[in-house]
Structure formats: C-alpha cells, structure tokens
Amino acid sequence: MNWGLVEDPVTLAERQKVASTCVAELNLPMPAVVDKLDDKVNQAYQGWPDRLYLVGKDGKLTYAGGRGPFFFSCDELEISIKKTLGQSK
C-alpha cells in the first residue's frame, strides 16, 4: 500500500475508516480503538510521542510505560502481558 500522507479526519466516520485501513493493511492481530474527535482519550493517556499501555479485558489499565522511546521498557510490558494472561515470567 502507498501510505503517503493522511489528512486529519474531520468526522468520526473518516477517523474509523483510517483506523480500519491501518488494521487491515498492517495485519494487526489486536483490536483497535478509535478516539472520538474531541481526543479526550489521547489527552488522558498523553500518548505523544510514544507510550506503551496494556489494558486488561476488564478495561482496567495493567501497565503504563513512561514517555518513549527512552522511558518505557518492552521487557516490563512483556512481563505485564504474561502476568495479565496468568503466565509465569
């Protein structure tokens, strides 16, 4: 796919279409969640520049990494994933 630039969506439907295209083209094996146009979730999680979060099936946050790419740990996230899934380290 030729990604090029993506215009900032002005409707929720446009934002959902961009997300659906990314999930399909990148073959992402996980669900994607789309923030509403008010960007409240983005503001609450402060996901810029990079952040790693793990949200359990119950909707509760089980891991929150520091600002990336220098202040989060992929190893810590992996441990949290295994713990959340009930697996040993």
PDB file of N, CA and C in Angstrom:
ATOM      1  N   MET A   1       0.841  -1.183   0.000  1.00  0.00           N
ATOM      2  CA  MET A   1       0.000   0.000   0.000  1.00  0.00           C
ATOM      3  C   MET A   1       0.878   1.235   0.000  1.00  0.00           C
ATOM      4  N   ASN A   2       0.478   2.224  -0.717  1.00  0.00           N
ATOM      5  CA  ASN A   2       1.165   3.509  -0.723  1.00  0.00           C
ATOM      6  C   ASN A   2       0.530   4.374   0.349  1.00  0.00           C
ATOM      7  N   TRP A   3       1.223   4.548   1.498  1.00  0.00           N
ATOM      8  CA  TRP A   3       0.631   5.247   2.630  1.00  0.00           C
ATOM      9  C   TRP A   3       0.546   6.739   2.406  1.00  0.00           C
ATOM     10  N   GLY A   4       1.628   7.367   1.978  1.00  0.00           N
ATOM     11  CA  GLY A   4       1.581   8.811   1.773  1.00  0.00           C
ATOM     12  C   GLY A   4       1.116   9.537   3.021  1.00  0.00           C
ATOM     13  N   LEU A   5       0.576  10.709   2.822  1.00  0.00           N
ATOM     14  CA  LEU A   5       0.069  11.499   3.936  1.00  0.00           C
ATOM     15  C   LEU A   5      -1.408  11.210   4.145  1.00  0.00           C
ATOM     16  N   VAL A   6      -1.828  11.231   5.382  1.00  0.00           N
ATOM     17  CA  VAL A   6      -3.234  11.037   5.712  1.00  0.00           C
ATOM     18  C   VAL A   6      -3.755  12.358   6.256  1.00  0.00           C
ATOM     19  N   GLU A   7      -4.787  12.862   5.630  1.00  0.00           N
ATOM     20  CA  GLU A   7      -5.411  14.095   6.113  1.00  0.00           C
ATOM     21  C   GLU A   7      -6.032  13.847   7.482  1.00  0.00           C
ATOM     22  N   ASP A   8      -5.996  14.837   8.348  1.00  0.00           N
ATOM     23  CA  ASP A   8      -6.613  14.708   9.658  1.00  0.00           C
ATOM     24  C   ASP A   8      -8.118  14.574   9.458  1.00  0.00           C
ATOM     25  N   PRO A   9      -8.704  13.454   9.900  1.00  0.00           N
ATOM     26  CA  PRO A   9     -10.139  13.253   9.710  1.00  0.00           C
ATOM     27  C   PRO A   9     -10.965  14.346  10.390  1.00  0.00           C
ATOM     28  N   VAL A  10     -12.042  14.727   9.740  1.00  0.00           N
ATOM     29  CA  VAL A  10     -12.913  15.762  10.312  1.00  0.00           C
ATOM     30  C   VAL A  10     -14.228  15.174  10.831  1.00  0.00           C
ATOM     31  N   THR A  11     -14.439  13.885  10.568  1.00  0.00           N
ATOM     32  CA  THR A  11     -15.622  13.209  11.111  1.00  0.00           C
ATOM     33  C   THR A  11     -15.169  11.909  11.771  1.00  0.00           C
ATOM     34  N   LEU A  12     -15.989  11.390  12.665  1.00  0.00           N
ATOM     35  CA  LEU A  12     -15.671  10.125  13.314  1.00  0.00           C
ATOM     36  C   LEU A  12     -15.628   8.999  12.284  1.00  0.00           C
ATOM     37  N   ALA A  13     -16.506   9.029  11.307  1.00  0.00           N
ATOM     38  CA  ALA A  13     -16.519   8.005  10.254  1.00  0.00           C
ATOM     39  C   ALA A  13     -15.199   7.991   9.483  1.00  0.00           C
ATOM     40  N   GLU A  14     -14.656   9.169   9.179  1.00  0.00           N
ATOM     41  CA  GLU A  14     -13.363   9.241   8.487  1.00  0.00           C
ATOM     42  C   GLU A  14     -12.255   8.678   9.359  1.00  0.00           C
ATOM     43  N   ARG A  15     -12.286   8.999  10.651  1.00  0.00           N
ATOM     44  CA  ARG A  15     -11.266   8.506  11.575  1.00  0.00           C
ATOM     45  C   ARG A  15     -11.339   6.978  11.672  1.00  0.00           C
ATOM     46  N   GLN A  16     -12.550   6.438  11.731  1.00  0.00           N
ATOM     47  CA  GLN A  16     -12.729   4.989  11.802  1.00  0.00           C
ATOM     48  C   GLN A  16     -12.249   4.316  10.522  1.00  0.00           C
ATOM     49  N   LYS A  17     -12.463   4.955   9.387  1.00  0.00           N
ATOM     50  CA  LYS A  17     -12.009   4.386   8.112  1.00  0.00           C
ATOM     51  C   LYS A  17     -10.484   4.324   8.062  1.00  0.00           C
ATOM     52  N   VAL A  18      -9.816   5.379   8.517  1.00  0.00           N
ATOM     53  CA  VAL A  18      -8.345   5.383   8.546  1.00  0.00           C
ATOM     54  C   VAL A  18      -7.852   4.257   9.455  1.00  0.00           C
ATOM     55  N   ALA A  19      -8.469   4.124  10.638  1.00  0.00           N
ATOM     56  CA  ALA A  19      -8.064   3.072  11.568  1.00  0.00           C
ATOM     57  C   ALA A  19      -8.299   1.683  10.967  1.00  0.00           C
ATOM     58  N   SER A  20      -9.434   1.488  10.333  1.00  0.00           N
ATOM     59  CA  SER A  20      -9.742   0.190   9.709  1.00  0.00           C
ATOM     60  C   SER A  20      -8.743  -0.146   8.616  1.00  0.00           C
ATOM     61  N   THR A  21      -8.377   0.845   7.841  1.00  0.00           N
ATOM     62  CA  THR A  21      -7.388   0.639   6.776  1.00  0.00           C
ATOM     63  C   THR A  21      -6.039   0.245   7.375  1.00  0.00           C
ATOM     64  N   CYS A  22      -5.626   0.926   8.445  1.00  0.00           N
ATOM     65  CA  CYS A  22      -4.354   0.604   9.101  1.00  0.00           C
ATOM     66  C   CYS A  22      -4.378  -0.821   9.650  1.00  0.00           C
ATOM     67  N   VAL A  23      -5.450  -1.200  10.322  1.00  0.00           N
ATOM     68  CA  VAL A  23      -5.565  -2.543  10.889  1.00  0.00           C
ATOM     69  C   VAL A  23      -5.469  -3.583   9.780  1.00  0.00           C
ATOM     70  N   ALA A  24      -6.186  -3.362   8.685  1.00  0.00           N
ATOM     71  CA  ALA A  24      -6.204  -4.328   7.584  1.00  0.00           C
ATOM     72  C   ALA A  24      -4.856  -4.394   6.864  1.00  0.00           C
ATOM     73  N   GLU A  25      -4.317  -3.246   6.501  1.00  0.00           N
ATOM     74  CA  GLU A  25      -3.078  -3.214   5.717  1.00  0.00           C
ATOM     75  C   GLU A  25      -1.855  -3.650   6.524  1.00  0.00           C
ATOM     76  N   LEU A  26      -1.861  -3.376   7.823  1.00  0.00           N
ATOM     77  CA  LEU A  26      -0.737  -3.772   8.670  1.00  0.00           C
ATOM     78  C   LEU A  26      -0.945  -5.150   9.296  1.00  0.00           C
ATOM     79  N   ASN A  27      -2.106  -5.753   8.998  1.00  0.00           N
ATOM     80  CA  ASN A  27      -2.434  -7.084   9.502  1.00  0.00           C
ATOM     81  C   ASN A  27      -2.261  -7.152  11.024  1.00  0.00           C
ATOM     82  N   LEU A  28      -2.829  -6.172  11.722  1.00  0.00           N
ATOM     83  CA  LEU A  28      -2.691  -6.105  13.170  1.00  0.00           C
ATOM     84  C   LEU A  28      -3.543  -7.184  13.832  1.00  0.00           C
ATOM     85  N   PRO A  29      -2.945  -7.974  14.727  1.00  0.00           N
ATOM     86  CA  PRO A  29      -3.676  -9.085  15.351  1.00  0.00           C
ATOM     87  C   PRO A  29      -4.397  -8.693  16.639  1.00  0.00           C
ATOM     88  N   MET A  30      -4.671  -7.410  16.810  1.00  0.00           N
ATOM     89  CA  MET A  30      -5.310  -6.946  18.040  1.00  0.00           C
ATOM     90  C   MET A  30      -6.390  -5.947  17.695  1.00  0.00           C
ATOM     91  N   PRO A  31      -7.332  -5.778  18.595  1.00  0.00           N
ATOM     92  CA  PRO A  31      -8.385  -4.792  18.315  1.00  0.00           C
ATOM     93  C   PRO A  31      -7.827  -3.374  18.344  1.00  0.00           C
ATOM     94  N   ALA A  32      -8.412  -2.518  17.553  1.00  0.00           N
ATOM     95  CA  ALA A  32      -8.041  -1.105  17.535  1.00  0.00           C
ATOM     96  C   ALA A  32      -9.194  -0.303  18.125  1.00  0.00           C
ATOM     97  N   VAL A  33      -8.856   0.703  18.883  1.00  0.00           N
ATOM     98  CA  VAL A  33      -9.853   1.583  19.488  1.00  0.00           C
ATOM     99  C   VAL A  33      -9.642   2.967  18.901  1.00  0.00           C
ATOM    100  N   VAL A  34     -10.726   3.608  18.524  1.00  0.00           N
ATOM    101  CA  VAL A  34     -10.649   4.919  17.881  1.00  0.00           C
ATOM    102  C   VAL A  34     -11.173   5.979  18.835  1.00  0.00           C
ATOM    103  N   ASP A  35     -10.348   6.972  19.080  1.00  0.00           N
ATOM    104  CA  ASP A  35     -10.744   8.089  19.932  1.00  0.00           C
ATOM    105  C   ASP A  35     -11.764   8.948  19.195  1.00  0.00           C
ATOM    106  N   LYS A  36     -12.671   9.559  19.944  1.00  0.00           N
ATOM    107  CA  LYS A  36     -13.621  10.485  19.333  1.00  0.00           C
ATOM    108  C   LYS A  36     -12.877  11.749  18.901  1.00  0.00           C
ATOM    109  N   LEU A  37     -13.551  12.601  18.164  1.00  0.00           N
ATOM    110  CA  LEU A  37     -12.905  13.790  17.630  1.00  0.00           C
ATOM    111  C   LEU A  37     -12.454  14.774  18.708  1.00  0.00           C
ATOM    112  N   ASP A  38     -12.977  14.646  19.916  1.00  0.00           N
ATOM    113  CA  ASP A  38     -12.549  15.543  20.997  1.00  0.00           C
ATOM    114  C   ASP A  38     -11.183  15.154  21.563  1.00  0.00           C
ATOM    115  N   ASP A  39     -10.667  13.982  21.182  1.00  0.00           N
ATOM    116  CA  ASP A  39      -9.346  13.483  21.590  1.00  0.00           C
ATOM    117  C   ASP A  39      -9.164  13.367  23.098  1.00  0.00           C
ATOM    118  N   LYS A  40     -10.251  13.123  23.827  1.00  0.00           N
ATOM    119  CA  LYS A  40     -10.164  13.018  25.286  1.00  0.00           C
ATOM    120  C   LYS A  40      -9.263  11.868  25.739  1.00  0.00           C
ATOM    121  N   VAL A  41      -9.328  10.739  25.047  1.00  0.00           N
ATOM    122  CA  VAL A  41      -8.503   9.599  25.438  1.00  0.00           C
ATOM    123  C   VAL A  41      -7.031   9.918  25.200  1.00  0.00           C
ATOM    124  N   ASN A  42      -6.722  10.483  24.056  1.00  0.00           N
ATOM    125  CA  ASN A  42      -5.339  10.873  23.764  1.00  0.00           C
ATOM    126  C   ASN A  42      -4.820  11.836  24.826  1.00  0.00           C
ATOM    127  N   GLN A  43      -5.630  12.801  25.211  1.00  0.00           N
ATOM    128  CA  GLN A  43      -5.219  13.764  26.224  1.00  0.00           C
ATOM    129  C   GLN A  43      -5.036  13.098  27.587  1.00  0.00           C
ATOM    130  N   ALA A  44      -5.917  12.172  27.930  1.00  0.00           N
ATOM    131  CA  ALA A  44      -5.828  11.494  29.229  1.00  0.00           C
ATOM    132  C   ALA A  44      -4.596  10.605  29.326  1.00  0.00           C
ATOM    133  N   TYR A  45      -4.270   9.907  28.242  1.00  0.00           N
ATOM    134  CA  TYR A  45      -3.134   8.990  28.256  1.00  0.00           C
ATOM    135  C   TYR A  45      -1.829   9.667  27.853  1.00  0.00           C
ATOM    136  N   GLN A  46      -1.898  10.863  27.329  1.00  0.00           N
ATOM    137  CA  GLN A  46      -0.710  11.601  26.894  1.00  0.00           C
ATOM    138  C   GLN A  46       0.185  10.713  26.033  1.00  0.00           C
ATOM    139  N   GLY A  47      -0.390  10.183  24.968  1.00  0.00           N
ATOM    140  CA  GLY A  47       0.289   9.203  24.127  1.00  0.00           C
ATOM    141  C   GLY A  47       1.319   9.745  23.163  1.00  0.00           C
ATOM    142  N   TRP A  48       1.729  10.974  23.292  1.00  0.00           N
ATOM    143  CA  TRP A  48       2.713  11.536  22.376  1.00  0.00           C
ATOM    144  C   TRP A  48       4.001  11.794  23.113  1.00  0.00           C
ATOM    145  N   PRO A  49       5.188  11.460  22.628  1.00  0.00           N
ATOM    146  CA  PRO A  49       5.438  10.910  21.304  1.00  0.00           C
ATOM    147  C   PRO A  49       5.119   9.421  21.209  1.00  0.00           C
ATOM    148  N   ASP A  50       5.474   8.627  22.187  1.00  0.00           N
ATOM    149  CA  ASP A  50       5.171   7.200  22.205  1.00  0.00           C
ATOM    150  C   ASP A  50       4.818   6.804  23.623  1.00  0.00           C
ATOM    151  N   ARG A  51       3.887   5.906  23.748  1.00  0.00           N
ATOM    152  CA  ARG A  51       3.561   5.334  25.056  1.00  0.00           C
ATOM    153  C   ARG A  51       3.160   3.886  24.861  1.00  0.00           C
ATOM    154  N   LEU A  52       3.471   3.077  25.845  1.00  0.00           N
ATOM    155  CA  LEU A  52       3.022   1.693  25.857  1.00  0.00           C
ATOM    156  C   LEU A  52       2.063   1.516  27.021  1.00  0.00           C
ATOM    157  N   TYR A  53       0.853   1.083  26.720  1.00  0.00           N
ATOM    158  CA  TYR A  53      -0.156   0.807  27.733  1.00  0.00           C
ATOM    159  C   TYR A  53      -0.700  -0.590  27.489  1.00  0.00           C
ATOM    160  N   LEU A  54      -1.079  -1.244  28.579  1.00  0.00           N
ATOM    161  CA  LEU A  54      -1.756  -2.526  28.469  1.00  0.00           C
ATOM    162  C   LEU A  54      -3.062  -2.403  29.230  1.00  0.00           C
ATOM    163  N   VAL A  55      -4.142  -2.667  28.535  1.00  0.00           N
ATOM    164  CA  VAL A  55      -5.474  -2.594  29.133  1.00  0.00           C
ATOM    165  C   VAL A  55      -6.027  -4.008  29.173  1.00  0.00           C
ATOM    166  N   GLY A  56      -6.430  -4.445  30.366  1.00  0.00           N
ATOM    167  CA  GLY A  56      -6.972  -5.787  30.532  1.00  0.00           C
ATOM    168  C   GLY A  56      -8.353  -5.921  29.928  1.00  0.00           C
ATOM    169  N   LYS A  57      -8.823  -7.144  29.824  1.00  0.00           N
ATOM    170  CA  LYS A  57     -10.151  -7.402  29.275  1.00  0.00           C
ATOM    171  C   LYS A  57     -11.242  -6.729  30.084  1.00  0.00           C
ATOM    172  N   ASP A  58     -10.944  -6.445  31.366  1.00  0.00           N
ATOM    173  CA  ASP A  58     -11.915  -5.769  32.229  1.00  0.00           C
ATOM    174  C   ASP A  58     -11.907  -4.257  32.027  1.00  0.00           C
ATOM    175  N   GLY A  59     -11.044  -3.784  31.120  1.00  0.00           N
ATOM    176  CA  GLY A  59     -10.968  -2.358  30.824  1.00  0.00           C
ATOM    177  C   GLY A  59     -10.047  -1.583  31.745  1.00  0.00           C
ATOM    178  N   LYS A  60      -9.422  -2.254  32.697  1.00  0.00           N
ATOM    179  CA  LYS A  60      -8.524  -1.584  33.634  1.00  0.00           C
ATOM    180  C   LYS A  60      -7.093  -1.594  33.107  1.00  0.00           C
ATOM    181  N   LEU A  61      -6.405  -0.514  33.381  1.00  0.00           N
ATOM    182  CA  LEU A  61      -5.016  -0.364  32.969  1.00  0.00           C
ATOM    183  C   LEU A  61      -4.136  -1.273  33.804  1.00  0.00           C
ATOM    184  N   THR A  62      -3.350  -2.133  33.148  1.00  0.00           N
ATOM    185  CA  THR A  62      -2.464  -3.037  33.880  1.00  0.00           C
ATOM    186  C   THR A  62      -0.991  -2.679  33.709  1.00  0.00           C
ATOM    187  N   TYR A  63      -0.669  -1.829  32.740  1.00  0.00           N
ATOM    188  CA  TYR A  63       0.710  -1.369  32.554  1.00  0.00           C
ATOM    189  C   TYR A  63       0.670   0.001  31.911  1.00  0.00           C
ATOM    190  N   ALA A  64       1.506   0.899  32.409  1.00  0.00           N
ATOM    191  CA  ALA A  64       1.674   2.225  31.818  1.00  0.00           C
ATOM    192  C   ALA A  64       3.163   2.531  31.771  1.00  0.00           C
ATOM    193  N   GLY A  65       3.708   2.599  30.571  1.00  0.00           N
ATOM    194  CA  GLY A  65       5.122   2.912  30.420  1.00  0.00           C
ATOM    195  C   GLY A  65       5.353   4.412  30.428  1.00  0.00           C
ATOM    196  N   GLY A  66       6.590   4.794  30.606  1.00  0.00           N
ATOM    197  CA  GLY A  66       6.958   6.201  30.549  1.00  0.00           C
ATOM    198  C   GLY A  66       6.972   6.694  29.114  1.00  0.00           C
ATOM    199  N   ARG A  67       7.240   7.983  28.942  1.00  0.00           N
ATOM    200  CA  ARG A  67       7.288   8.543  27.588  1.00  0.00           C
ATOM    201  C   ARG A  67       8.394   7.879  26.788  1.00  0.00           C
ATOM    202  N   GLY A  68       8.054   7.528  25.572  1.00  0.00           N
ATOM    203  CA  GLY A  68       9.009   6.844  24.714  1.00  0.00           C
ATOM    204  C   GLY A  68       9.781   7.810  23.853  1.00  0.00           C
ATOM    205  N   PRO A  69      10.749   7.292  23.195  1.00  0.00           N
ATOM    206  CA  PRO A  69      11.125   5.878  23.235  1.00  0.00           C
ATOM    207  C   PRO A  69      12.139   5.543  24.334  1.00  0.00           C
ATOM    208  N   PHE A  70      12.530   6.506  25.151  1.00  0.00           N
ATOM    209  CA  PHE A  70      13.593   6.262  26.113  1.00  0.00           C
ATOM    210  C   PHE A  70      13.130   5.872  27.509  1.00  0.00           C
ATOM    211  N   PHE A  71      11.877   6.095  27.846  1.00  0.00           N
ATOM    212  CA  PHE A  71      11.441   5.882  29.218  1.00  0.00           C
ATOM    213  C   PHE A  71      10.353   4.827  29.366  1.00  0.00           C
ATOM    214  N   PHE A  72      10.265   3.927  28.398  1.00  0.00           N
ATOM    215  CA  PHE A  72       9.427   2.752  28.611  1.00  0.00           C
ATOM    216  C   PHE A  72      10.266   1.519  28.335  1.00  0.00           C
ATOM    217  N   SER A  73       9.792   0.396  28.842  1.00  0.00           N
ATOM    218  CA  SER A  73      10.547  -0.843  28.732  1.00  0.00           C
ATOM    219  C   SER A  73       9.684  -1.926  28.107  1.00  0.00           C
ATOM    220  N   CYS A  74      10.126  -2.415  26.971  1.00  0.00           N
ATOM    221  CA  CYS A  74       9.403  -3.512  26.317  1.00  0.00           C
ATOM    222  C   CYS A  74       9.448  -4.764  27.192  1.00  0.00           C
ATOM    223  N   ASP A  75      10.543  -4.950  27.935  1.00  0.00           N
ATOM    224  CA  ASP A  75      10.640  -6.106  28.826  1.00  0.00           C
ATOM    225  C   ASP A  75       9.592  -6.023  29.934  1.00  0.00           C
ATOM    226  N   GLU A  76       9.419  -4.828  30.520  1.00  0.00           N
ATOM    227  CA  GLU A  76       8.404  -4.650  31.557  1.00  0.00           C
ATOM    228  C   GLU A  76       7.006  -4.905  30.996  1.00  0.00           C
ATOM    229  N   LEU A  77       6.763  -4.434  29.777  1.00  0.00           N
ATOM    230  CA  LEU A  77       5.463  -4.666  29.145  1.00  0.00           C
ATOM    231  C   LEU A  77       5.236  -6.163  28.938  1.00  0.00           C
ATOM    232  N   GLU A  78       6.249  -6.869  28.479  1.00  0.00           N
ATOM    233  CA  GLU A  78       6.121  -8.314  28.265  1.00  0.00           C
ATOM    234  C   GLU A  78       5.790  -9.029  29.575  1.00  0.00           C
ATOM    235  N   ILE A  79       6.462  -8.659  30.660  1.00  0.00           N
ATOM    236  CA  ILE A  79       6.186  -9.258  31.967  1.00  0.00           C
ATOM    237  C   ILE A  79       4.739  -8.991  32.367  1.00  0.00           C
ATOM    238  N   SER A  80       4.279  -7.767  32.140  1.00  0.00           N
ATOM    239  CA  SER A  80       2.907  -7.412  32.479  1.00  0.00           C
ATOM    240  C   SER A  80       1.897  -8.195  31.632  1.00  0.00           C
ATOM    241  N   ILE A  81       2.197  -8.384  30.366  1.00  0.00           N
ATOM    242  CA  ILE A  81       1.316  -9.176  29.490  1.00  0.00           C
ATOM    243  C   ILE A  81       1.206 -10.599  30.029  1.00  0.00           C
ATOM    244  N   LYS A  82       2.350 -11.193  30.347  1.00  0.00           N
ATOM    245  CA  LYS A  82       2.344 -12.571  30.851  1.00  0.00           C
ATOM    246  C   LYS A  82       1.594 -12.669  32.180  1.00  0.00           C
ATOM    247  N   LYS A  83       1.803 -11.683  33.051  1.00  0.00           N
ATOM    248  CA  LYS A  83       1.112 -11.676  34.348  1.00  0.00           C
ATOM    249  C   LYS A  83      -0.395 -11.537  34.131  1.00  0.00           C
ATOM    250  N   THR A  84      -0.793 -10.650  33.222  1.00  0.00           N
ATOM    251  CA  THR A  84      -2.210 -10.436  32.924  1.00  0.00           C
ATOM    252  C   THR A  84      -2.850 -11.709  32.368  1.00  0.00           C
ATOM    253  N   LEU A  85      -2.080 -12.453  31.587  1.00  0.00           N
ATOM    254  CA  LEU A  85      -2.589 -13.696  30.997  1.00  0.00           C
ATOM    255  C   LEU A  85      -2.466 -14.886  31.941  1.00  0.00           C
ATOM    256  N   GLY A  86      -1.890 -14.643  33.132  1.00  0.00           N
ATOM    257  CA  GLY A  86      -1.749 -15.720  34.100  1.00  0.00           C
ATOM    258  C   GLY A  86      -0.592 -16.638  33.815  1.00  0.00           C
ATOM    259  N   GLN A  87       0.377 -16.159  33.060  1.00  0.00           N
ATOM    260  CA  GLN A  87       1.564 -16.959  32.744  1.00  0.00           C
ATOM    261  C   GLN A  87       2.712 -16.537  33.641  1.00  0.00           C
ATOM    262  N   SER A  88       3.657 -17.428  33.832  1.00  0.00           N
ATOM    263  CA  SER A  88       4.827 -17.071  34.626  1.00  0.00           C
ATOM    264  C   SER A  88       5.789 -16.258  33.783  1.00  0.00           C
ATOM    265  N   LYS A  89       6.741 -15.637  34.464  1.00  0.00           N
ATOM    266  CA  LYS A  89       7.756 -14.815  33.784  1.00  0.00           C
ATOM    267  C   LYS A  89       8.578 -15.691  32.902  1.00  0.00           C
TER     268      LYS A  89
END
